[in-house]
Amino acid sequence: MSVADKKSSRDEALEHAFGAPLDDLYAQVVRSGASPALTRALEVRAMLALSEEQVVLVRDRVHATMAPARSLNELSAETLQTDVYWLDAALSGRRAYLKTLDALLTAMPPPTARSTPLTSSLPPAQPAPSAPVRPAARGR
């Protein structure tokens, strides 16, 4: 499964900020010509989606370990402590990715305020008018 297919908690915010569904945003990046902001936002989104997946995996493992139907003989404080370290690492990463992505999205103008889409390219540069070239003065 591609990271583009994984869900993240900021998918709706990305769609709103860039004015298109995630599938379209990923397609823009693949075709090239996408804005650096979109490219970076999708990179951070991918890391966020992976970190959120890790949080869910550890959470579910702890829930299964602590299920009421489990035998008390199967409980291990050592195993739970390891899960605490894993959960702390996953949550720390998630917070950092959220902060980064939210800062990027906050800095962007809303889609309705933009005169052109973020993925548009500038027109080709016109050559500057050439000034007559003067020969260098020769020393005597």
N, C-alpha and C. Protein backbone atom coordinates (compact mmCIF):
# COMPACT_ATOMS: atom_id res chain seq x y z
N MET A 1 0.84 -1.18 0.00
CA MET A 1 0.00 0.00 0.00
C MET A 1 0.88 1.25 0.00
N SER A 2 0.57 2.14 -0.89
CA SER A 2 1.31 3.39 -0.99
C SER A 2 0.93 4.32 0.15
N VAL A 3 1.87 5.16 0.53
CA VAL A 3 1.59 6.13 1.59
C VAL A 3 0.51 7.11 1.15
N ALA A 4 0.35 7.30 -0.15
CA ALA A 4 -0.70 8.18 -0.66
C ALA A 4 -2.08 7.61 -0.35
N ASP A 5 -2.17 6.28 -0.17
CA ASP A 5 -3.45 5.64 0.13
C ASP A 5 -3.78 5.63 1.62
N LYS A 6 -2.81 5.92 2.45
CA LYS A 6 -3.03 5.94 3.90
C LYS A 6 -3.72 7.24 4.28
N LYS A 7 -4.52 7.21 5.29
CA LYS A 7 -5.21 8.41 5.78
C LYS A 7 -4.34 9.13 6.79
N SER A 8 -4.52 10.44 6.87
CA SER A 8 -3.87 11.23 7.92
C SER A 8 -4.90 12.20 8.49
N SER A 9 -4.59 12.71 9.66
CA SER A 9 -5.52 13.62 10.33
C SER A 9 -5.58 15.00 9.68
N ARG A 10 -4.71 15.29 8.73
CA ARG A 10 -4.72 16.61 8.08
C ARG A 10 -5.10 16.55 6.60
N ASP A 11 -5.68 15.45 6.16
CA ASP A 11 -6.04 15.32 4.75
C ASP A 11 -7.03 16.39 4.30
N GLU A 12 -8.06 16.61 5.10
CA GLU A 12 -9.07 17.62 4.73
C GLU A 12 -8.45 19.02 4.67
N ALA A 13 -7.56 19.31 5.61
CA ALA A 13 -6.91 20.63 5.62
C ALA A 13 -6.06 20.82 4.36
N LEU A 14 -5.38 19.76 3.94
CA LEU A 14 -4.57 19.83 2.71
C LEU A 14 -5.46 20.05 1.48
N GLU A 15 -6.54 19.31 1.41
CA GLU A 15 -7.46 19.45 0.28
C GLU A 15 -8.02 20.86 0.22
N HIS A 16 -8.36 21.40 1.37
CA HIS A 16 -8.90 22.77 1.42
C HIS A 16 -7.83 23.79 1.02
N ALA A 17 -6.63 23.63 1.56
CA ALA A 17 -5.56 24.60 1.30
C ALA A 17 -5.14 24.62 -0.16
N PHE A 18 -5.11 23.45 -0.81
CA PHE A 18 -4.66 23.39 -2.19
C PHE A 18 -5.80 23.31 -3.18
N GLY A 19 -7.03 23.24 -2.68
CA GLY A 19 -8.20 23.32 -3.55
C GLY A 19 -8.44 22.12 -4.45
N ALA A 20 -8.01 20.92 -4.02
CA ALA A 20 -8.23 19.72 -4.84
C ALA A 20 -8.17 18.48 -3.94
N PRO A 21 -8.79 17.39 -4.38
CA PRO A 21 -8.70 16.13 -3.62
C PRO A 21 -7.26 15.62 -3.59
N LEU A 22 -6.93 14.84 -2.57
CA LEU A 22 -5.57 14.32 -2.42
C LEU A 22 -5.07 13.58 -3.66
N ASP A 23 -5.92 12.76 -4.26
CA ASP A 23 -5.50 12.03 -5.47
C ASP A 23 -5.02 13.00 -6.55
N ASP A 24 -5.74 14.09 -6.72
CA ASP A 24 -5.34 15.10 -7.72
C ASP A 24 -4.04 15.79 -7.33
N LEU A 25 -3.88 16.05 -6.03
CA LEU A 25 -2.65 16.71 -5.57
C LEU A 25 -1.43 15.81 -5.82
N TYR A 26 -1.58 14.52 -5.52
CA TYR A 26 -0.47 13.59 -5.78
C TYR A 26 -0.20 13.49 -7.29
N ALA A 27 -1.24 13.52 -8.08
CA ALA A 27 -1.06 13.47 -9.54
C ALA A 27 -0.30 14.70 -10.04
N GLN A 28 -0.58 15.86 -9.46
CA GLN A 28 0.12 17.08 -9.85
C GLN A 28 1.61 16.97 -9.57
N VAL A 29 1.94 16.38 -8.42
CA VAL A 29 3.36 16.23 -8.06
C VAL A 29 4.05 15.25 -8.99
N VAL A 30 3.36 14.17 -9.36
CA VAL A 30 3.95 13.17 -10.25
C VAL A 30 4.19 13.75 -11.63
N ARG A 31 3.26 14.57 -12.12
CA ARG A 31 3.41 15.17 -13.45
C ARG A 31 4.49 16.23 -13.49
N SER A 32 4.95 16.65 -12.38
CA SER A 32 5.93 17.73 -12.20
C SER A 32 5.29 19.08 -12.47
N GLY A 33 5.98 20.11 -12.14
CA GLY A 33 5.43 21.45 -12.29
C GLY A 33 4.63 21.88 -11.08
N ALA A 34 4.53 21.00 -10.06
CA ALA A 34 3.80 21.36 -8.85
C ALA A 34 4.62 22.36 -8.04
N SER A 35 3.94 23.15 -7.27
CA SER A 35 4.64 24.14 -6.45
C SER A 35 5.49 23.44 -5.39
N PRO A 36 6.57 24.09 -4.97
CA PRO A 36 7.37 23.52 -3.88
C PRO A 36 6.55 23.34 -2.61
N ALA A 37 5.60 24.25 -2.36
CA ALA A 37 4.77 24.13 -1.16
C ALA A 37 3.94 22.85 -1.20
N LEU A 38 3.36 22.54 -2.34
CA LEU A 38 2.57 21.31 -2.46
C LEU A 38 3.46 20.08 -2.31
N THR A 39 4.60 20.09 -2.95
CA THR A 39 5.51 18.96 -2.86
C THR A 39 5.92 18.71 -1.42
N ARG A 40 6.30 19.75 -0.72
CA ARG A 40 6.72 19.60 0.68
C ARG A 40 5.56 19.21 1.57
N ALA A 41 4.40 19.79 1.33
CA ALA A 41 3.23 19.45 2.15
C ALA A 41 2.90 17.96 2.02
N LEU A 42 2.99 17.43 0.82
CA LEU A 42 2.69 16.01 0.63
C LEU A 42 3.79 15.12 1.21
N GLU A 43 5.03 15.60 1.21
CA GLU A 43 6.10 14.84 1.87
C GLU A 43 5.86 14.76 3.37
N VAL A 44 5.52 15.88 3.98
CA VAL A 44 5.25 15.89 5.42
C VAL A 44 3.99 15.08 5.72
N ARG A 45 2.99 15.17 4.84
CA ARG A 45 1.77 14.39 5.02
C ARG A 45 2.07 12.89 5.03
N ALA A 46 2.97 12.46 4.16
CA ALA A 46 3.34 11.04 4.10
C ALA A 46 3.97 10.60 5.42
N MET A 47 4.85 11.42 5.97
CA MET A 47 5.48 11.08 7.25
C MET A 47 4.46 11.10 8.38
N LEU A 48 3.53 12.05 8.32
CA LEU A 48 2.47 12.12 9.31
C LEU A 48 1.61 10.86 9.26
N ALA A 49 1.22 10.45 8.07
CA ALA A 49 0.38 9.25 7.92
C ALA A 49 1.08 8.02 8.50
N LEU A 50 2.38 7.90 8.26
CA LEU A 50 3.12 6.75 8.79
C LEU A 50 3.23 6.82 10.32
N SER A 51 3.48 8.00 10.84
CA SER A 51 3.59 8.11 12.30
C SER A 51 2.25 7.85 12.97
N GLU A 52 1.16 8.30 12.35
CA GLU A 52 -0.16 8.03 12.92
C GLU A 52 -0.48 6.54 12.86
N GLU A 53 -0.04 5.88 11.81
CA GLU A 53 -0.23 4.44 11.72
C GLU A 53 0.52 3.72 12.85
N GLN A 54 1.71 4.20 13.18
CA GLN A 54 2.49 3.60 14.28
C GLN A 54 1.80 3.84 15.62
N VAL A 55 1.26 5.02 15.83
CA VAL A 55 0.52 5.31 17.07
C VAL A 55 -0.64 4.32 17.22
N VAL A 56 -1.38 4.12 16.15
CA VAL A 56 -2.53 3.21 16.19
C VAL A 56 -2.07 1.77 16.46
N LEU A 57 -0.98 1.34 15.84
CA LEU A 57 -0.49 -0.03 16.06
C LEU A 57 -0.12 -0.26 17.52
N VAL A 58 0.61 0.69 18.12
CA VAL A 58 1.02 0.53 19.52
C VAL A 58 -0.20 0.61 20.43
N ARG A 59 -1.09 1.56 20.16
CA ARG A 59 -2.31 1.67 20.97
C ARG A 59 -3.10 0.38 20.95
N ASP A 60 -3.28 -0.19 19.77
CA ASP A 60 -4.04 -1.42 19.65
C ASP A 60 -3.34 -2.59 20.35
N ARG A 61 -2.01 -2.61 20.28
CA ARG A 61 -1.27 -3.67 20.97
C ARG A 61 -1.45 -3.55 22.48
N VAL A 62 -1.40 -2.33 23.01
CA VAL A 62 -1.60 -2.13 24.46
C VAL A 62 -3.02 -2.53 24.84
N HIS A 63 -3.99 -2.16 24.03
CA HIS A 63 -5.38 -2.54 24.33
C HIS A 63 -5.53 -4.06 24.36
N ALA A 64 -4.92 -4.73 23.40
CA ALA A 64 -5.01 -6.19 23.36
C ALA A 64 -4.33 -6.81 24.58
N THR A 65 -3.19 -6.25 24.95
CA THR A 65 -2.47 -6.76 26.12
C THR A 65 -3.27 -6.58 27.40
N MET A 66 -4.00 -5.48 27.49
CA MET A 66 -4.74 -5.16 28.71
C MET A 66 -6.21 -5.57 28.64
N ALA A 67 -6.58 -6.34 27.64
CA ALA A 67 -7.99 -6.75 27.50
C ALA A 67 -8.46 -7.49 28.75
N PRO A 68 -9.68 -7.21 29.19
CA PRO A 68 -10.20 -7.84 30.41
C PRO A 68 -10.22 -9.38 30.34
N ALA A 69 -10.35 -9.93 29.17
CA ALA A 69 -10.43 -11.39 29.04
C ALA A 69 -9.06 -12.06 29.14
N ARG A 70 -7.98 -11.28 29.08
CA ARG A 70 -6.63 -11.87 29.14
C ARG A 70 -6.31 -12.33 30.54
N SER A 71 -5.55 -13.39 30.59
CA SER A 71 -5.12 -13.93 31.87
C SER A 71 -4.11 -12.98 32.52
N LEU A 72 -4.21 -12.83 33.82
CA LEU A 72 -3.25 -11.99 34.54
C LEU A 72 -1.85 -12.57 34.45
N ASN A 73 -1.74 -13.85 34.19
CA ASN A 73 -0.43 -14.49 34.05
C ASN A 73 0.29 -14.04 32.78
N GLU A 74 -0.44 -13.49 31.84
CA GLU A 74 0.16 -13.04 30.58
C GLU A 74 0.64 -11.59 30.64
N LEU A 75 0.28 -10.86 31.68
CA LEU A 75 0.69 -9.45 31.80
C LEU A 75 2.19 -9.35 32.07
N SER A 76 2.81 -8.38 31.43
CA SER A 76 4.23 -8.14 31.63
C SER A 76 4.47 -6.65 31.69
N ALA A 77 4.92 -6.18 32.84
CA ALA A 77 5.23 -4.76 33.00
C ALA A 77 6.37 -4.37 32.05
N GLU A 78 7.30 -5.29 31.83
CA GLU A 78 8.42 -5.01 30.94
C GLU A 78 7.94 -4.78 29.50
N THR A 79 7.01 -5.61 29.05
CA THR A 79 6.47 -5.46 27.70
C THR A 79 5.69 -4.14 27.59
N LEU A 80 4.90 -3.85 28.61
CA LEU A 80 4.15 -2.59 28.59
C LEU A 80 5.08 -1.38 28.62
N GLN A 81 6.16 -1.47 29.36
CA GLN A 81 7.11 -0.36 29.41
C GLN A 81 7.74 -0.14 28.03
N THR A 82 8.05 -1.21 27.33
CA THR A 82 8.57 -1.09 25.96
C THR A 82 7.55 -0.41 25.06
N ASP A 83 6.28 -0.79 25.22
CA ASP A 83 5.23 -0.15 24.43
C ASP A 83 5.10 1.33 24.76
N VAL A 84 5.33 1.69 26.00
CA VAL A 84 5.30 3.10 26.39
C VAL A 84 6.39 3.86 25.64
N TYR A 85 7.58 3.30 25.55
CA TYR A 85 8.67 3.96 24.81
C TYR A 85 8.31 4.11 23.34
N TRP A 86 7.75 3.05 22.75
CA TRP A 86 7.35 3.09 21.34
C TRP A 86 6.27 4.14 21.12
N LEU A 87 5.28 4.16 22.01
CA LEU A 87 4.19 5.12 21.89
C LEU A 87 4.70 6.55 22.03
N ASP A 88 5.61 6.76 22.98
CA ASP A 88 6.17 8.10 23.16
C ASP A 88 6.90 8.56 21.91
N ALA A 89 7.68 7.67 21.31
CA ALA A 89 8.41 8.01 20.08
C ALA A 89 7.44 8.31 18.93
N ALA A 90 6.42 7.49 18.77
CA ALA A 90 5.44 7.69 17.69
C ALA A 90 4.67 9.00 17.88
N LEU A 91 4.26 9.28 19.11
CA LEU A 91 3.51 10.51 19.38
C LEU A 91 4.40 11.75 19.21
N SER A 92 5.65 11.63 19.60
CA SER A 92 6.58 12.75 19.43
C SER A 92 6.77 13.08 17.95
N GLY A 93 6.95 12.05 17.14
CA GLY A 93 7.07 12.26 15.70
C GLY A 93 5.81 12.87 15.12
N ARG A 94 4.66 12.34 15.53
CA ARG A 94 3.38 12.86 15.04
C ARG A 94 3.24 14.34 15.37
N ARG A 95 3.57 14.72 16.60
CA ARG A 95 3.46 16.14 16.99
C ARG A 95 4.35 17.02 16.12
N ALA A 96 5.55 16.55 15.84
CA ALA A 96 6.47 17.35 15.02
C ALA A 96 5.94 17.51 13.60
N TYR A 97 5.41 16.43 13.02
CA TYR A 97 4.87 16.51 11.66
C TYR A 97 3.63 17.40 11.62
N LEU A 98 2.78 17.30 12.64
CA LEU A 98 1.60 18.17 12.70
C LEU A 98 2.01 19.64 12.78
N LYS A 99 2.98 19.92 13.61
CA LYS A 99 3.44 21.31 13.77
C LYS A 99 4.00 21.84 12.45
N THR A 100 4.79 21.04 11.77
CA THR A 100 5.39 21.45 10.51
C THR A 100 4.32 21.67 9.44
N LEU A 101 3.41 20.72 9.31
CA LEU A 101 2.37 20.82 8.29
C LEU A 101 1.41 21.97 8.59
N ASP A 102 1.03 22.12 9.84
CA ASP A 102 0.13 23.22 10.21
C ASP A 102 0.78 24.58 9.95
N ALA A 103 2.08 24.70 10.21
CA ALA A 103 2.78 25.96 9.94
C ALA A 103 2.78 26.26 8.45
N LEU A 104 2.99 25.25 7.64
CA LEU A 104 2.98 25.44 6.19
C LEU A 104 1.59 25.86 5.71
N LEU A 105 0.57 25.17 6.19
CA LEU A 105 -0.80 25.49 5.75
C LEU A 105 -1.26 26.85 6.26
N THR A 106 -0.83 27.23 7.44
CA THR A 106 -1.20 28.53 7.99
C THR A 106 -0.58 29.67 7.19
N ALA A 107 0.60 29.45 6.67
CA ALA A 107 1.30 30.49 5.92
C ALA A 107 0.74 30.69 4.52
N MET A 108 -0.06 29.75 4.06
CA MET A 108 -0.60 29.84 2.70
C MET A 108 -1.89 30.65 2.67
N PRO A 109 -2.09 31.43 1.61
CA PRO A 109 -3.37 32.12 1.47
C PRO A 109 -4.45 31.10 1.12
N PRO A 110 -5.72 31.39 1.46
CA PRO A 110 -6.78 30.47 1.09
C PRO A 110 -6.89 30.35 -0.43
N PRO A 111 -7.38 29.20 -0.94
CA PRO A 111 -7.45 29.00 -2.39
C PRO A 111 -8.22 30.10 -3.12
N THR A 112 -9.24 30.67 -2.49
CA THR A 112 -10.05 31.70 -3.15
C THR A 112 -9.30 33.02 -3.28
N ALA A 113 -8.26 33.23 -2.46
CA ALA A 113 -7.51 34.49 -2.51
C ALA A 113 -6.40 34.45 -3.55
N ARG A 114 -6.13 33.28 -4.10
CA ARG A 114 -5.06 33.16 -5.08
C ARG A 114 -5.59 33.50 -6.47
N SER A 115 -4.80 34.25 -7.21
CA SER A 115 -5.24 34.60 -8.56
C SER A 115 -4.96 33.47 -9.54
N THR A 116 -3.95 32.65 -9.25
CA THR A 116 -3.64 31.51 -10.10
C THR A 116 -3.44 30.29 -9.22
N PRO A 117 -3.66 29.11 -9.75
CA PRO A 117 -3.43 27.91 -8.94
C PRO A 117 -1.95 27.81 -8.55
N LEU A 118 -1.69 27.14 -7.44
CA LEU A 118 -0.32 26.99 -6.97
C LEU A 118 0.53 26.17 -7.93
N THR A 119 -0.09 25.40 -8.77
CA THR A 119 0.67 24.53 -9.66
C THR A 119 0.98 25.18 -11.00
N SER A 120 0.50 26.41 -11.21
CA SER A 120 0.77 27.05 -12.50
C SER A 120 2.24 27.44 -12.57
N SER A 121 2.74 27.47 -13.78
CA SER A 121 4.13 27.88 -13.94
C SER A 121 4.16 29.30 -14.51
N LEU A 122 5.22 29.96 -14.25
CA LEU A 122 5.36 31.32 -14.76
C LEU A 122 5.59 31.28 -16.26
N PRO A 123 5.22 32.34 -16.97
CA PRO A 123 5.50 32.36 -18.42
C PRO A 123 7.01 32.35 -18.63
N PRO A 124 7.44 31.89 -19.79
CA PRO A 124 8.88 31.85 -20.05
C PRO A 124 9.48 33.25 -19.97
N ALA A 125 10.67 33.31 -19.46
CA ALA A 125 11.36 34.60 -19.34
C ALA A 125 11.71 35.12 -20.73
N GLN A 126 11.52 36.40 -20.90
CA GLN A 126 11.88 37.05 -22.16
C GLN A 126 13.33 37.48 -22.07
N PRO A 127 14.06 37.37 -23.17
CA PRO A 127 15.46 37.81 -23.11
C PRO A 127 15.53 39.31 -22.85
N ALA A 128 16.49 39.68 -22.07
CA ALA A 128 16.68 41.10 -21.76
C ALA A 128 17.21 41.80 -23.00
N PRO A 129 16.79 43.06 -23.20
CA PRO A 129 17.32 43.78 -24.37
C PRO A 129 18.83 43.90 -24.23
N SER A 130 19.48 43.64 -25.32
CA SER A 130 20.94 43.67 -25.24
C SER A 130 21.45 45.08 -25.46
N ALA A 131 22.38 45.44 -24.63
CA ALA A 131 23.03 46.76 -24.77
C ALA A 131 24.21 46.58 -25.72
N PRO A 132 24.52 47.61 -26.46
CA PRO A 132 25.68 47.47 -27.36
C PRO A 132 26.92 47.17 -26.56
N VAL A 133 27.71 46.26 -27.07
CA VAL A 133 28.94 45.87 -26.39
C VAL A 133 30.04 46.79 -26.87
N ARG A 134 30.69 47.42 -25.96
CA ARG A 134 31.79 48.34 -26.30
C ARG A 134 33.10 47.61 -26.10
N PRO A 135 33.97 47.78 -27.03
CA PRO A 135 35.27 47.12 -26.87
C PRO A 135 36.00 47.72 -25.68
N ALA A 136 36.73 46.87 -25.03
CA ALA A 136 37.50 47.34 -23.86
C ALA A 136 38.62 48.26 -24.33
N ALA A 137 38.86 49.28 -23.52
CA ALA A 137 39.93 50.21 -23.86
C ALA A 137 41.27 49.51 -23.71
N ARG A 138 42.16 49.76 -24.65
CA ARG A 138 43.48 49.13 -24.59
C ARG A 138 44.45 50.12 -23.95
N GLY A 139 45.18 49.59 -23.06
CA GLY A 139 46.19 50.44 -22.42
C GLY A 139 47.36 50.71 -23.36
N ARG A 140 47.98 51.87 -23.25
CA ARG A 140 49.10 52.20 -24.11
C ARG A 140 50.37 52.19 -23.35
